[in-house]
Amino acid sequence: MPRALLSVSDKTGVVELARELHGRGWTLLSTGGTARTLRDAGLAVTEVSEVTGHPEMMEGRVKTLHPAVHAGLLGRRDNAQDVAQMAAHGYEAIDLVAVNLYPFRETVARPGASLAEAIENIDIGGPSMLRSAAKHHASVWVVVDPADYSTVLAAMDSGDEERALTIRRRLAAKVYAHTSEYDGAIAGYLSRALEGGEAGGPTEFPRSVTVSLRKVQDLRYGENPDQPAAFYRDEAASGGLPALRQLHGKELSFINLLDVEGALQAVSAWEGSGLAACAIVKHTTPCGIAVGADAAEAYQKALSTDPVSAFGCVIAFNVPVSEEAAVLMRPNYVEVIAAPSFADAALRLLAEKKNLRLLELPSLAGADDGLDWKRVRGGFVAQRRPSAQFPEDGWRTVTQRQPSPEEMDDLRFAWRAVAPVKSNAIVLARGGMAVGIGAGQMSRVDSSRIAVMKARDNGFDLAGAALASDAFFPFRDGVDAAAQAGVRAIIQPGGSVRDDEVIAAADEHGIAMVFTGRRLFRH
């Protein structure tokens, strides 16, 4: 009579699995809470302690770590020596293991979870059984995911042993991926919690890091159509782009997701501000960004920044998309619109464009993305993600002229708007919108000239505009160019060896200049 060992933290579907196995003549072995669940369902269960001849110990810490269990899993049915040794010790084969592990990741993700709680939720016996069963998948069914229960039962009933072996091999691979992810989560947590930095405290950059990725979906293509691509979720993170729900449109591409990331980063600067923010992104950097009283006003202002560049763009909002905003966007060629939600009428209007991708991300806040990783040949570099907060406690006016209240409002907007723009970045702003954006140039003065050119091409009068620079001006030429265009207020990090020269240039032109003390490079 075949035997199944069921010991699960997630009880989803386990009673149904046990009932099906029992109906096929299987003996059910189990432990602790799982055994109680099965008995409550009216099923006959043999406790593992009866198999091992040893009681569970230490509040369940020791229960399945016994040769009677692992010999039953690892003993080769076609090896005479294994069979003889099992018989000599009175051990019997175990033909199926259904195990899922203590909820370690869920425990440490809970606010206020203690180290002691984390330690108690490190599963030892479960991974050991899974690995033993997966090693011997030639004869043993091993199931770590309740979603696979029905697949296993159907394969058993098929009578096709070649198909059954293929499925057992797939399940074994899934087990090793699962236990690797589980161990990686534990190693990462303990490294962050216990490994001392220079001050002897926790460090966010441990000596070794295990990154566990799970495929979310295949993508339409990569940066170019001849490059296949896929989207993977970081198993240690919560929220973020994997939480996006596609409501409409054709499949996403690699570039779509990068542009969505850039657009959402841009509008997140106004999360919780009470203002509607809209970012229009091409090639991962905004070509338009604005705030308004509602989505429609924010979009109109953002589009006017550079309507030519907005062709084939990604648009993101920090507020729901209204019908009015949908009416305004509908005539334009847009690749993706991402927002917390869409009004029913807006969704109906936009869904008339069959290829337009509509993405819903209920919240822009609270995504625990951990470290920001970038791939280089042969390795990775990691950094802390940039903060979406823009505190002003380090700001100081360094020029003779103080900015007016209206100019300060423009500087606050410009400082948030320049953060998602690719370096070297210059943003010209007025009235809650970018009027000129210069991005990605090797020279900061060239970025300034491009921002001015874009503003003039789109009919903006720059007299009295504010300018934000993501890093310091290394020379006064950038300030001279801004003054010539009509800029009256500048915000920048400061920190150049030529700060005095730059400040003097601002004073010569009557420009108010604020130093923030924070650089906003985006490479």
Protein backbone atom coordinates (compact mmCIF):
# COMPACT_ATOMS: atom_id res chain seq x y z
CA MET A 1 0.00 0.00 0.00
CA PRO A 2 1.60 3.38 -1.03
CA ARG A 3 2.17 5.96 1.70
CA ALA A 4 1.87 9.75 1.61
CA LEU A 5 3.37 12.11 4.17
CA LEU A 6 1.39 15.36 4.45
CA SER A 7 2.76 18.16 6.63
CA VAL A 8 1.74 21.64 5.51
CA SER A 9 1.71 25.15 6.89
CA ASP A 10 -0.71 26.25 4.14
CA LYS A 11 -3.69 23.90 4.51
CA THR A 12 -5.24 24.93 1.18
CA GLY A 13 -6.53 21.82 -0.59
CA VAL A 14 -4.81 19.35 1.74
CA VAL A 15 -8.05 17.71 2.92
CA GLU A 16 -9.18 17.19 -0.68
CA LEU A 17 -5.75 15.75 -1.61
CA ALA A 18 -5.80 13.41 1.37
CA ARG A 19 -9.33 12.29 0.60
CA GLU A 20 -8.40 11.52 -3.01
CA LEU A 21 -5.30 9.59 -1.96
CA HIS A 22 -7.24 7.66 0.68
CA GLY A 23 -9.81 6.74 -1.95
CA ARG A 24 -7.00 5.31 -4.09
CA GLY A 25 -5.83 3.11 -1.23
CA TRP A 26 -3.00 5.23 0.14
CA THR A 27 -1.95 5.31 3.81
CA LEU A 28 -1.79 8.85 5.19
CA LEU A 29 1.09 9.92 7.46
CA SER A 30 1.08 13.34 9.05
CA THR A 31 2.27 15.60 11.86
CA GLY A 32 0.84 18.09 14.34
CA GLY A 33 -1.73 20.51 13.00
CA THR A 34 -2.03 18.81 9.62
CA ALA A 35 -2.90 15.50 11.30
CA ARG A 36 -5.58 17.24 13.36
CA THR A 37 -7.03 18.88 10.25
CA LEU A 38 -7.26 15.54 8.46
CA ARG A 39 -8.79 13.76 11.44
CA ASP A 40 -11.35 16.55 11.82
CA ALA A 41 -12.29 15.82 8.19
CA GLY A 42 -12.93 12.17 9.12
CA LEU A 43 -9.77 10.68 7.60
CA ALA A 44 -7.64 7.97 9.17
CA VAL A 45 -4.12 9.31 9.80
CA THR A 46 -0.96 7.72 11.16
CA GLU A 47 1.18 10.11 13.19
CA VAL A 48 4.81 10.31 12.06
CA SER A 49 5.79 9.66 15.67
CA GLU A 50 4.30 6.17 15.28
CA VAL A 51 6.53 5.60 12.24
CA THR A 52 9.69 6.88 13.92
CA GLY A 53 8.95 5.38 17.33
CA HIS A 54 9.91 8.76 18.78
CA PRO A 55 7.63 11.52 20.04
CA GLU A 56 7.66 15.05 18.65
CA MET A 57 10.01 17.17 20.76
CA MET A 58 10.76 20.78 21.63
CA GLU A 59 7.39 22.19 20.61
CA GLY A 60 7.60 20.54 17.20
CA ARG A 61 11.18 21.55 16.41
CA VAL A 62 12.09 17.87 16.10
CA LYS A 63 9.55 15.50 14.54
CA THR A 64 10.51 14.34 11.03
CA LEU A 65 14.32 14.41 11.35
CA HIS A 66 14.61 10.64 11.64
CA PRO A 67 15.99 7.77 9.49
CA ALA A 68 12.54 6.16 9.32
CA VAL A 69 11.37 9.20 7.35
CA HIS A 70 14.44 9.89 5.24
CA ALA A 71 15.22 6.23 4.50
CA GLY A 72 11.59 5.92 3.40
CA LEU A 73 12.16 8.80 0.98
CA LEU A 74 15.70 8.03 -0.20
CA GLY A 75 15.67 4.24 -0.28
CA ARG A 76 15.97 3.01 -3.88
CA ARG A 77 13.26 0.50 -4.72
CA ASP A 78 15.45 -1.20 -7.37
CA ASN A 79 18.60 -1.41 -5.22
CA ALA A 80 18.80 -4.74 -3.37
CA GLN A 81 21.11 -3.37 -0.65
CA ASP A 82 18.78 -0.41 0.06
CA VAL A 83 15.77 -2.72 0.20
CA ALA A 84 17.56 -5.12 2.56
CA GLN A 85 18.72 -2.35 4.88
CA MET A 86 15.23 -0.87 5.07
CA ALA A 87 13.76 -4.28 5.86
CA ALA A 88 16.40 -4.90 8.55
CA HIS A 89 15.41 -1.69 10.33
CA GLY A 90 11.68 -2.04 9.73
CA TYR A 91 11.47 1.03 7.49
CA GLU A 92 8.87 1.37 4.74
CA ALA A 93 8.92 3.46 1.59
CA ILE A 94 7.18 6.83 1.45
CA ASP A 95 5.82 7.47 -2.03
CA LEU A 96 4.53 11.04 -1.83
CA VAL A 97 5.47 14.09 0.23
CA ALA A 98 3.28 17.20 0.34
CA VAL A 99 5.06 19.83 2.40
CA ASN A 100 5.05 23.60 2.49
CA LEU A 101 7.20 25.56 4.84
CA TYR A 102 6.84 27.75 7.89
CA PRO A 103 5.91 31.28 6.77
CA PHE A 104 9.32 32.88 7.29
CA ARG A 105 9.00 35.61 4.64
CA GLU A 106 5.48 36.51 5.74
CA THR A 107 6.69 36.74 9.36
CA VAL A 108 9.64 39.06 8.71
CA ALA A 109 7.52 41.22 6.38
CA ARG A 110 5.12 41.96 9.23
CA PRO A 111 5.81 45.34 10.90
CA GLY A 112 7.36 44.87 14.32
CA ALA A 113 8.28 41.21 13.85
CA SER A 114 11.05 40.30 16.29
CA LEU A 115 14.22 38.35 15.64
CA ALA A 116 12.92 35.61 17.96
CA GLU A 117 9.75 35.27 15.89
CA ALA A 118 11.81 35.11 12.72
CA ILE A 119 14.02 32.34 14.13
CA GLU A 120 11.03 30.23 15.19
CA ASN A 121 9.65 30.46 11.66
CA ILE A 122 12.76 28.95 10.08
CA ASP A 123 11.66 25.51 8.92
CA ILE A 124 14.21 22.70 9.26
CA GLY A 125 12.37 19.42 8.85
CA GLY A 126 10.27 20.60 5.92
CA PRO A 127 13.16 21.55 3.62
CA SER A 128 14.98 18.35 4.61
CA MET A 129 12.03 16.18 3.58
CA LEU A 130 11.51 18.13 0.38
CA ARG A 131 15.13 17.80 -0.64
CA SER A 132 15.22 14.08 0.13
CA ALA A 133 12.04 13.44 -1.83
CA ALA A 134 13.18 15.64 -4.73
CA LYS A 135 16.48 13.75 -4.93
CA HIS A 136 14.54 10.51 -5.27
CA HIS A 137 11.89 11.89 -7.64
CA ALA A 138 12.37 8.82 -9.83
CA SER A 139 10.08 7.08 -7.35
CA VAL A 140 8.65 9.78 -5.06
CA TRP A 141 6.06 12.44 -5.75
CA VAL A 142 7.10 15.71 -4.06
CA VAL A 143 4.67 18.62 -3.90
CA VAL A 144 5.45 22.02 -2.42
CA ASP A 145 2.65 24.01 -4.07
CA PRO A 146 -1.06 23.26 -3.45
CA ALA A 147 -1.73 24.33 -7.05
CA ASP A 148 0.00 21.10 -8.15
CA TYR A 149 -2.21 18.68 -6.20
CA SER A 150 -4.66 18.14 -9.06
CA THR A 151 -1.83 17.68 -11.58
CA VAL A 152 -0.30 14.95 -9.42
CA LEU A 153 -3.60 13.09 -9.03
CA ALA A 154 -4.30 13.26 -12.77
CA ALA A 155 -0.81 11.96 -13.60
CA MET A 156 -1.22 9.09 -11.14
CA ASP A 157 -4.48 8.10 -12.78
CA SER A 158 -3.17 8.34 -16.33
CA GLY A 159 -1.14 5.14 -16.13
CA ASP A 160 1.51 6.82 -18.30
CA GLU A 161 4.73 6.33 -16.32
CA GLU A 162 6.85 8.34 -18.77
CA ARG A 163 4.54 11.33 -18.33
CA ALA A 164 4.47 10.78 -14.56
CA LEU A 165 8.28 10.77 -14.40
CA THR A 166 8.43 14.01 -16.38
CA ILE A 167 6.01 15.64 -13.95
CA ARG A 168 7.95 14.34 -10.93
CA ARG A 169 11.13 15.80 -12.41
CA ARG A 170 9.41 19.17 -12.90
CA LEU A 171 8.10 19.07 -9.34
CA ALA A 172 11.58 18.23 -8.05
CA ALA A 173 13.06 21.23 -9.86
CA LYS A 174 10.33 23.38 -8.34
CA VAL A 175 11.25 22.09 -4.89
CA TYR A 176 14.93 23.00 -5.23
CA ALA A 177 14.02 26.46 -6.54
CA HIS A 178 11.62 26.89 -3.61
CA THR A 179 14.09 25.79 -0.92
CA SER A 180 16.80 27.94 -2.51
CA GLU A 181 14.51 30.97 -2.36
CA TYR A 182 13.57 30.11 1.20
CA ASP A 183 17.20 29.79 2.33
CA GLY A 184 18.06 32.99 0.46
CA ALA A 185 15.35 34.89 2.30
CA ILE A 186 16.67 33.64 5.64
CA ALA A 187 20.29 34.43 4.74
CA GLY A 188 19.33 37.91 3.58
CA TYR A 189 17.30 38.65 6.70
CA LEU A 190 19.97 37.43 9.11
CA SER A 191 22.71 39.25 7.20
CA ARG A 192 20.81 42.51 7.36
CA ALA A 193 19.82 42.00 10.99
CA LEU A 194 23.08 40.72 12.42
CA GLU A 195 26.05 41.52 10.18
CA GLY A 196 27.90 44.53 11.57
CA GLY A 197 28.95 47.50 9.53
CA GLU A 198 31.74 49.90 10.47
CA ALA A 199 29.72 51.08 13.47
CA GLY A 200 28.93 47.53 14.53
CA GLY A 201 25.27 47.79 13.53
CA PRO A 202 23.16 46.21 10.79
CA THR A 203 24.17 46.82 7.19
CA GLU A 204 21.99 47.01 4.09
CA PHE A 205 24.88 45.72 1.97
CA PRO A 206 25.74 42.26 3.35
CA ARG A 207 28.77 40.25 2.18
CA SER A 208 26.60 37.92 0.13
CA VAL A 209 23.12 38.34 -1.31
CA THR A 210 20.72 35.79 -2.74
CA VAL A 211 18.24 37.30 -5.17
CA SER A 212 15.21 35.14 -5.89
CA LEU A 213 13.33 35.94 -9.09
CA ARG A 214 10.06 34.46 -10.35
CA LYS A 215 8.86 35.01 -13.91
CA VAL A 216 5.75 37.17 -14.12
CA GLN A 217 5.30 37.00 -17.87
CA ASP A 218 6.99 36.83 -21.24
CA LEU A 219 7.24 40.23 -22.89
CA ARG A 220 6.44 41.19 -26.46
CA TYR A 221 10.16 41.75 -27.09
CA GLY A 222 13.17 43.47 -25.56
CA GLU A 223 14.77 46.76 -26.55
CA ASN A 224 14.52 45.59 -30.17
CA PRO A 225 12.18 43.08 -31.84
CA ASP A 226 14.98 40.53 -32.32
CA GLN A 227 15.63 40.39 -28.55
CA PRO A 228 13.30 38.04 -26.62
CA ALA A 229 12.50 39.29 -23.11
CA ALA A 230 10.66 38.41 -19.92
CA PHE A 231 9.58 40.18 -16.71
CA TYR A 232 10.67 38.72 -13.35
CA ARG A 233 9.43 39.55 -9.88
CA ASP A 234 11.79 39.92 -6.93
CA GLU A 235 10.40 37.44 -4.42
CA ALA A 236 11.78 39.48 -1.50
CA ALA A 237 9.93 42.64 -2.56
CA SER A 238 6.32 43.65 -2.21
CA GLY A 239 4.33 45.95 -4.46
CA GLY A 240 6.01 47.72 -7.35
CA LEU A 241 5.49 46.87 -11.00
CA PRO A 242 4.59 43.19 -10.42
CA ALA A 243 1.43 44.50 -8.73
CA LEU A 244 0.32 46.20 -11.96
CA ARG A 245 -2.90 44.83 -13.39
CA GLN A 246 -3.34 45.11 -17.14
CA LEU A 247 -6.92 46.07 -17.92
CA HIS A 248 -6.66 46.33 -21.68
CA GLY A 249 -4.35 46.27 -24.70
CA LYS A 250 -1.69 44.14 -26.32
CA GLU A 251 1.13 42.49 -24.42
CA LEU A 252 3.79 44.64 -22.77
CA SER A 253 7.31 45.04 -24.09
CA PHE A 254 10.60 45.45 -22.25
CA ILE A 255 10.68 49.17 -23.12
CA ASN A 256 7.08 49.65 -21.96
CA LEU A 257 7.97 48.46 -18.47
CA LEU A 258 11.09 50.61 -18.25
CA ASP A 259 9.07 53.65 -19.32
CA VAL A 260 6.29 52.81 -16.85
CA GLU A 261 8.91 52.61 -14.09
CA GLY A 262 10.22 56.06 -15.06
CA ALA A 263 6.73 57.57 -15.26
CA LEU A 264 5.62 56.15 -11.92
CA GLN A 265 8.83 57.35 -10.29
CA ALA A 266 8.07 60.83 -11.59
CA VAL A 267 4.50 61.10 -10.30
CA SER A 268 5.33 59.44 -6.95
CA ALA A 269 6.97 62.71 -5.89
CA TRP A 270 3.45 64.10 -5.39
CA GLU A 271 1.96 61.07 -3.64
CA GLY A 272 -0.23 62.33 -0.79
CA SER A 273 0.19 65.98 -1.80
CA GLY A 274 -3.45 66.56 -2.71
CA LEU A 275 -2.36 67.49 -6.24
CA ALA A 276 -2.94 65.47 -9.39
CA ALA A 277 0.38 64.72 -11.10
CA CYS A 278 0.94 63.54 -14.66
CA ALA A 279 4.20 62.43 -16.25
CA ILE A 280 4.63 61.76 -19.97
CA VAL A 281 7.69 59.60 -20.60
CA LYS A 282 9.76 58.66 -23.65
CA HIS A 283 12.89 56.51 -23.39
CA THR A 284 12.57 56.38 -19.57
CA THR A 285 12.73 60.16 -19.05
CA PRO A 286 9.90 62.70 -18.88
CA CYS A 287 9.18 64.87 -21.88
CA GLY A 288 6.31 66.43 -19.92
CA ILE A 289 5.45 66.66 -16.25
CA ALA A 290 2.91 68.78 -14.42
CA VAL A 291 0.51 69.02 -11.50
CA GLY A 292 -3.04 70.29 -11.46
CA ALA A 293 -6.33 70.20 -9.62
CA ASP A 294 -7.33 66.98 -11.39
CA ALA A 295 -6.06 64.44 -13.91
CA ALA A 296 -7.35 66.37 -16.91
CA GLU A 297 -5.61 69.63 -15.96
CA ALA A 298 -2.36 67.83 -15.08
CA TYR A 299 -2.39 65.99 -18.43
CA GLN A 300 -3.08 69.13 -20.49
CA LYS A 301 -0.20 70.93 -18.83
CA ALA A 302 2.17 67.97 -19.12
CA LEU A 303 1.36 67.48 -22.80
CA SER A 304 2.01 71.14 -23.58
CA THR A 305 5.60 70.80 -22.32
CA ASP A 306 6.58 68.96 -25.52
CA PRO A 307 3.66 67.58 -27.56
CA VAL A 308 5.90 66.40 -30.42
CA SER A 309 8.04 64.18 -28.20
CA ALA A 310 4.90 62.76 -26.57
CA PHE A 311 4.13 60.70 -29.71
CA GLY A 312 4.21 57.01 -28.70
CA CYS A 313 4.64 57.81 -25.00
CA VAL A 314 3.85 56.25 -21.63
CA ILE A 315 1.63 58.34 -19.35
CA ALA A 316 1.32 57.92 -15.58
CA PHE A 317 -0.97 59.57 -13.05
CA ASN A 318 -0.99 59.57 -9.26
CA VAL A 319 -4.80 59.92 -9.26
CA PRO A 320 -7.61 58.02 -11.00
CA VAL A 321 -8.11 58.74 -14.70
CA SER A 322 -11.36 60.65 -15.19
CA GLU A 323 -13.61 60.63 -18.25
CA GLU A 324 -12.47 64.18 -19.03
CA ALA A 325 -8.82 63.12 -18.98
CA ALA A 326 -9.62 60.12 -21.19
CA VAL A 327 -11.33 62.37 -23.75
CA LEU A 328 -8.20 64.54 -23.89
CA MET A 329 -5.81 61.58 -24.28
CA ARG A 330 -7.88 59.57 -26.74
CA PRO A 331 -6.88 61.39 -29.98
CA ASN A 332 -3.15 60.94 -29.30
CA TYR A 333 -0.91 57.96 -30.02
CA VAL A 334 -0.07 56.57 -26.58
CA GLU A 335 1.58 53.22 -25.79
CA VAL A 336 0.63 52.85 -22.11
CA ILE A 337 -1.44 54.66 -19.49
CA ALA A 338 -0.78 53.73 -15.83
CA ALA A 339 -2.86 55.03 -12.95
CA PRO A 340 -4.28 53.96 -9.57
CA SER A 341 -7.64 53.36 -11.29
CA PHE A 342 -9.84 54.37 -14.23
CA ALA A 343 -13.37 55.74 -14.11
CA ASP A 344 -15.77 53.36 -15.88
CA ALA A 345 -16.47 55.89 -18.62
CA ALA A 346 -12.74 56.54 -19.05
CA LEU A 347 -12.04 52.83 -19.37
CA ARG A 348 -14.74 52.40 -22.00
CA LEU A 349 -13.42 55.32 -24.06
CA LEU A 350 -9.77 54.30 -23.91
CA ALA A 351 -10.52 50.62 -24.54
CA GLU A 352 -11.83 51.57 -27.98
CA LYS A 353 -8.14 51.75 -28.94
CA LYS A 354 -7.39 48.03 -29.10
CA ASN A 355 -3.60 48.27 -28.77
CA LEU A 356 -3.48 50.85 -25.97
CA ARG A 357 -2.24 49.22 -22.78
CA LEU A 358 -4.11 50.31 -19.66
CA LEU A 359 -2.40 49.45 -16.37
CA GLU A 360 -3.80 49.78 -12.87
CA LEU A 361 -1.52 50.14 -9.84
CA PRO A 362 -3.72 50.80 -6.80
CA SER A 363 -0.97 52.46 -4.75
CA LEU A 364 2.30 54.09 -5.68
CA ALA A 365 3.41 54.14 -2.05
CA GLY A 366 4.63 51.35 0.22
CA ALA A 367 6.44 49.19 -2.33
CA ASP A 368 9.37 47.55 -0.56
CA ASP A 369 11.82 47.29 -3.43
CA GLY A 370 14.91 46.70 -1.33
CA LEU A 371 18.12 47.54 -3.14
CA ASP A 372 18.29 49.02 -6.62
CA TRP A 373 20.33 46.62 -8.77
CA LYS A 374 22.00 47.35 -12.08
CA ARG A 375 23.68 44.73 -14.25
CA VAL A 376 27.25 45.18 -15.38
CA ARG A 377 29.33 42.61 -17.24
CA GLY A 378 30.29 39.90 -14.78
CA GLY A 379 28.32 41.25 -11.85
CA PHE A 380 25.90 43.72 -10.34
CA VAL A 381 26.09 47.03 -8.55
CA ALA A 382 23.58 47.85 -5.84
CA GLN A 383 22.42 51.04 -4.21
CA ARG A 384 19.63 52.25 -2.00
CA ARG A 385 16.66 53.42 -4.03
CA PRO A 386 16.31 57.20 -4.29
CA SER A 387 13.86 58.68 -1.85
CA ALA A 388 10.60 60.11 -3.18
CA GLN A 389 10.64 62.60 -0.29
CA PHE A 390 12.04 66.10 -0.76
CA PRO A 391 12.66 67.64 2.68
CA GLU A 392 13.65 71.31 2.74
CA ASP A 393 15.47 71.44 6.07
CA GLY A 394 18.87 71.54 4.30
CA TRP A 395 17.89 74.21 1.78
CA ARG A 396 19.52 77.64 1.90
CA THR A 397 19.39 80.71 -0.28
CA VAL A 398 22.95 81.61 -1.28
CA THR A 399 22.32 84.76 -3.36
CA GLN A 400 21.66 88.34 -2.40
CA ARG A 401 18.10 88.12 -3.66
CA GLN A 402 15.66 85.82 -1.89
CA PRO A 403 13.13 83.96 -4.07
CA SER A 404 9.60 85.32 -3.93
CA PRO A 405 6.81 83.04 -2.62
CA GLU A 406 5.72 82.39 -6.20
CA GLU A 407 9.28 81.56 -7.23
CA MET A 408 9.65 79.22 -4.24
CA ASP A 409 6.57 77.30 -5.39
CA ASP A 410 8.11 76.97 -8.84
CA LEU A 411 11.44 75.86 -7.34
CA ARG A 412 9.72 73.18 -5.23
CA PHE A 413 7.96 71.85 -8.31
CA ALA A 414 11.12 71.99 -10.45
CA TRP A 415 13.17 70.15 -7.81
CA ARG A 416 10.71 67.26 -7.75
CA ALA A 417 10.38 67.28 -11.54
CA VAL A 418 14.13 67.09 -12.21
CA ALA A 419 14.60 63.95 -10.09
CA PRO A 420 13.29 61.43 -12.69
CA VAL A 421 15.03 63.14 -15.64
CA LYS A 422 18.19 61.43 -16.96
CA SER A 423 21.44 63.19 -16.08
CA ASN A 424 22.69 65.70 -16.91
CA ALA A 425 19.22 67.09 -16.16
CA ILE A 426 17.79 70.58 -16.39
CA VAL A 427 14.12 71.44 -15.89
CA LEU A 428 12.57 74.85 -16.53
CA ALA A 429 9.28 75.30 -14.70
CA ARG A 430 6.51 77.74 -14.00
CA GLY A 431 2.99 77.42 -12.64
CA GLY A 432 3.15 73.75 -11.67
CA MET A 433 4.49 72.43 -14.96
CA ALA A 434 7.74 71.84 -16.80
CA VAL A 435 8.11 74.25 -19.69
CA GLY A 436 11.45 72.93 -20.90
CA ILE A 437 13.44 69.75 -20.20
CA GLY A 438 17.06 69.06 -21.11
CA ALA A 439 18.14 65.48 -20.43
CA GLY A 440 21.02 63.06 -20.82
CA GLN A 441 23.66 65.40 -22.18
CA MET A 442 27.36 65.08 -21.50
CA SER A 443 27.57 68.82 -20.71
CA ARG A 444 25.27 70.56 -18.25
CA VAL A 445 25.29 73.75 -20.29
CA ASP A 446 24.11 71.72 -23.31
CA SER A 447 21.21 70.38 -21.22
CA SER A 448 20.39 73.99 -20.31
CA ARG A 449 20.43 75.04 -23.96
CA ILE A 450 18.21 72.12 -24.96
CA ALA A 451 15.70 72.94 -22.20
CA VAL A 452 15.56 76.55 -23.41
CA MET A 453 15.25 75.47 -27.05
CA LYS A 454 12.40 73.06 -26.21
CA ALA A 455 10.59 75.77 -24.25
CA ARG A 456 10.85 78.30 -27.06
CA ASP A 457 9.87 75.75 -29.71
CA ASN A 458 6.66 75.14 -27.80
CA GLY A 459 5.87 78.82 -27.39
CA PHE A 460 6.76 79.40 -23.73
CA ASP A 461 7.95 82.79 -22.53
CA LEU A 462 10.72 82.03 -20.04
CA ALA A 463 10.77 85.45 -18.40
CA GLY A 464 10.54 84.72 -14.65
CA ALA A 465 10.84 80.93 -14.98
CA ALA A 466 12.51 78.70 -12.40
CA LEU A 467 15.31 76.25 -13.21
CA ALA A 468 16.31 73.03 -11.43
CA SER A 469 19.62 71.27 -12.01
CA ASP A 470 20.11 67.70 -10.72
CA ALA A 471 23.77 68.43 -9.84
CA PHE A 472 25.93 71.50 -9.27
CA PHE A 473 26.95 73.87 -12.04
CA PRO A 474 30.69 73.29 -12.58
CA PHE A 475 31.03 76.66 -14.34
CA ARG A 476 29.07 79.88 -14.50
CA ASP A 477 28.18 79.36 -18.17
CA GLY A 478 25.02 77.41 -17.26
CA VAL A 479 23.79 80.31 -15.11
CA ASP A 480 24.64 82.83 -17.83
CA ALA A 481 22.66 80.82 -20.38
CA ALA A 482 19.69 80.57 -18.00
CA ALA A 483 19.74 84.29 -17.30
CA GLN A 484 19.86 85.09 -21.00
CA ALA A 485 16.70 82.99 -21.45
CA GLY A 486 14.86 84.90 -18.69
CA VAL A 487 15.25 82.54 -15.69
CA ARG A 488 14.84 84.35 -12.37
CA ALA A 489 15.29 81.53 -9.82
CA ILE A 490 17.56 78.45 -9.73
CA ILE A 491 17.62 75.43 -7.44
CA GLN A 492 20.62 73.09 -7.40
CA PRO A 493 22.60 70.93 -4.95
CA GLY A 494 25.67 73.15 -4.70
CA GLY A 495 29.05 71.69 -3.79
CA SER A 496 31.22 72.77 -6.73
CA VAL A 497 34.70 74.15 -6.14
CA ARG A 498 33.43 77.08 -8.24
CA ASP A 499 30.28 77.70 -6.19
CA ASP A 500 31.46 81.23 -5.42
CA GLU A 501 31.84 81.95 -9.15
CA VAL A 502 28.39 80.49 -9.87
CA ILE A 503 26.75 82.45 -7.04
CA ALA A 504 28.44 85.65 -8.24
CA ALA A 505 27.02 85.04 -11.73
CA ALA A 506 23.54 84.64 -10.25
CA ASP A 507 23.94 87.88 -8.29
CA GLU A 508 25.09 89.71 -11.42
CA HIS A 509 21.89 88.65 -13.18
CA GLY A 510 19.59 89.26 -10.20
CA ILE A 511 18.75 85.55 -9.97
CA ALA A 512 17.71 83.98 -6.67
CA MET A 513 19.56 80.71 -6.07
CA VAL A 514 18.80 77.94 -3.56
CA PHE A 515 21.21 75.16 -2.61
CA THR A 516 19.60 71.90 -1.47
CA GLY A 517 22.71 69.93 -0.49
CA ARG A 518 21.34 66.85 -2.28
CA ARG A 519 22.29 65.55 -5.73
CA LEU A 520 19.65 63.88 -7.91
CA PHE A 521 21.63 62.04 -10.59
CA ARG A 522 19.70 59.41 -12.55
CA HIS A 523 21.88 57.28 -14.83
